[in-house]
Amino acid sequence: MKYYIKILPHVENNIVDYSWAGIMGVGKIKKPIIKKVSNHIYCAVRMGGMGVALGSSTGVEMADLYHA
């Protein structure tokens, strides 16, 4: 976080309340993987850091896949 404060001086006097650490699911193909893995197990992965933006449409696709 100190690195960002150095390159973005306008945030110097702000307090960071939250930070994120996790695994980014990326691949050569930019389309998410949405599929049935086994009985009652489905996956929606490889969103390339766009999970928030793609979450709603991915949820609809998962629901459609489940009810098919």
Protein backbone atom coordinates (compact mmCIF):
# COMPACT_ATOMS: atom_id res chain seq x y z
CA MET A 1 0.00 0.00 0.00
CA LYS A 2 2.91 2.35 0.68
CA TYR A 3 3.87 2.04 -3.00
CA TYR A 4 0.52 3.50 -4.09
CA ILE A 5 0.86 6.38 -1.68
CA LYS A 6 4.21 7.23 -3.29
CA ILE A 7 2.88 7.19 -6.86
CA LEU A 8 -0.52 8.69 -5.97
CA PRO A 9 0.34 11.54 -3.59
CA HIS A 10 -3.28 12.72 -3.35
CA VAL A 11 -4.06 9.64 -1.23
CA GLU A 12 -1.31 10.35 1.28
CA ASN A 13 -3.63 11.71 3.99
CA ASN A 14 -6.31 9.05 3.52
CA ILE A 15 -6.73 5.93 5.61
CA VAL A 16 -7.09 2.58 3.87
CA ASP A 17 -10.01 0.74 5.46
CA TYR A 18 -9.89 -2.44 3.40
CA SER A 19 -7.55 -4.27 1.09
CA TRP A 20 -8.08 -7.35 -1.05
CA ALA A 21 -5.95 -10.41 -1.61
CA GLY A 22 -7.02 -13.40 -3.61
CA ILE A 23 -6.61 -15.46 -6.73
CA MET A 24 -7.35 -13.92 -10.12
CA GLY A 25 -8.78 -16.40 -12.61
CA VAL A 26 -7.32 -15.46 -15.97
CA GLY A 27 -6.50 -17.30 -19.16
CA LYS A 28 -5.69 -16.80 -22.84
CA ILE A 29 -9.39 -16.87 -23.72
CA LYS A 30 -11.22 -13.92 -22.17
CA LYS A 31 -14.64 -15.60 -21.94
CA PRO A 32 -15.62 -16.99 -18.50
CA ILE A 33 -16.04 -20.73 -18.06
CA ILE A 34 -19.62 -21.50 -17.03
CA LYS A 35 -20.48 -25.19 -16.91
CA LYS A 36 -21.97 -28.10 -15.01
CA VAL A 37 -19.20 -30.07 -13.34
CA SER A 38 -21.28 -32.91 -11.92
CA ASN A 39 -24.69 -33.54 -10.41
CA HIS A 40 -25.68 -30.35 -8.51
CA ILE A 41 -22.21 -28.80 -8.93
CA TYR A 42 -21.71 -25.90 -11.33
CA CYS A 43 -18.82 -23.52 -11.83
CA ALA A 44 -18.42 -19.98 -13.09
CA VAL A 45 -14.71 -19.15 -13.23
CA ARG A 46 -12.05 -17.22 -15.15
CA MET A 47 -13.58 -13.76 -15.08
CA GLY A 48 -10.22 -12.04 -15.47
CA GLY A 49 -10.79 -9.54 -12.67
CA MET A 50 -14.22 -8.63 -14.03
CA GLY A 51 -16.26 -10.71 -11.57
CA VAL A 52 -18.22 -7.73 -10.27
CA ALA A 53 -19.04 -6.51 -13.77
CA LEU A 54 -19.86 -9.99 -15.10
CA GLY A 55 -21.49 -11.37 -11.96
CA SER A 56 -25.12 -10.60 -12.80
CA SER A 57 -25.05 -11.97 -16.34
CA THR A 58 -23.01 -14.96 -15.17
CA GLY A 59 -25.61 -15.66 -12.48
CA VAL A 60 -28.37 -15.63 -15.09
CA GLU A 61 -26.39 -18.04 -17.27
CA MET A 62 -25.82 -20.35 -14.30
CA ALA A 63 -29.53 -20.31 -13.44
CA ASP A 64 -30.44 -21.08 -17.05
CA LEU A 65 -27.93 -23.94 -17.09
CA TYR A 66 -29.35 -25.33 -13.84
CA HIS A 67 -32.95 -25.20 -15.07
CA ALA A 68 -32.18 -26.63 -18.52
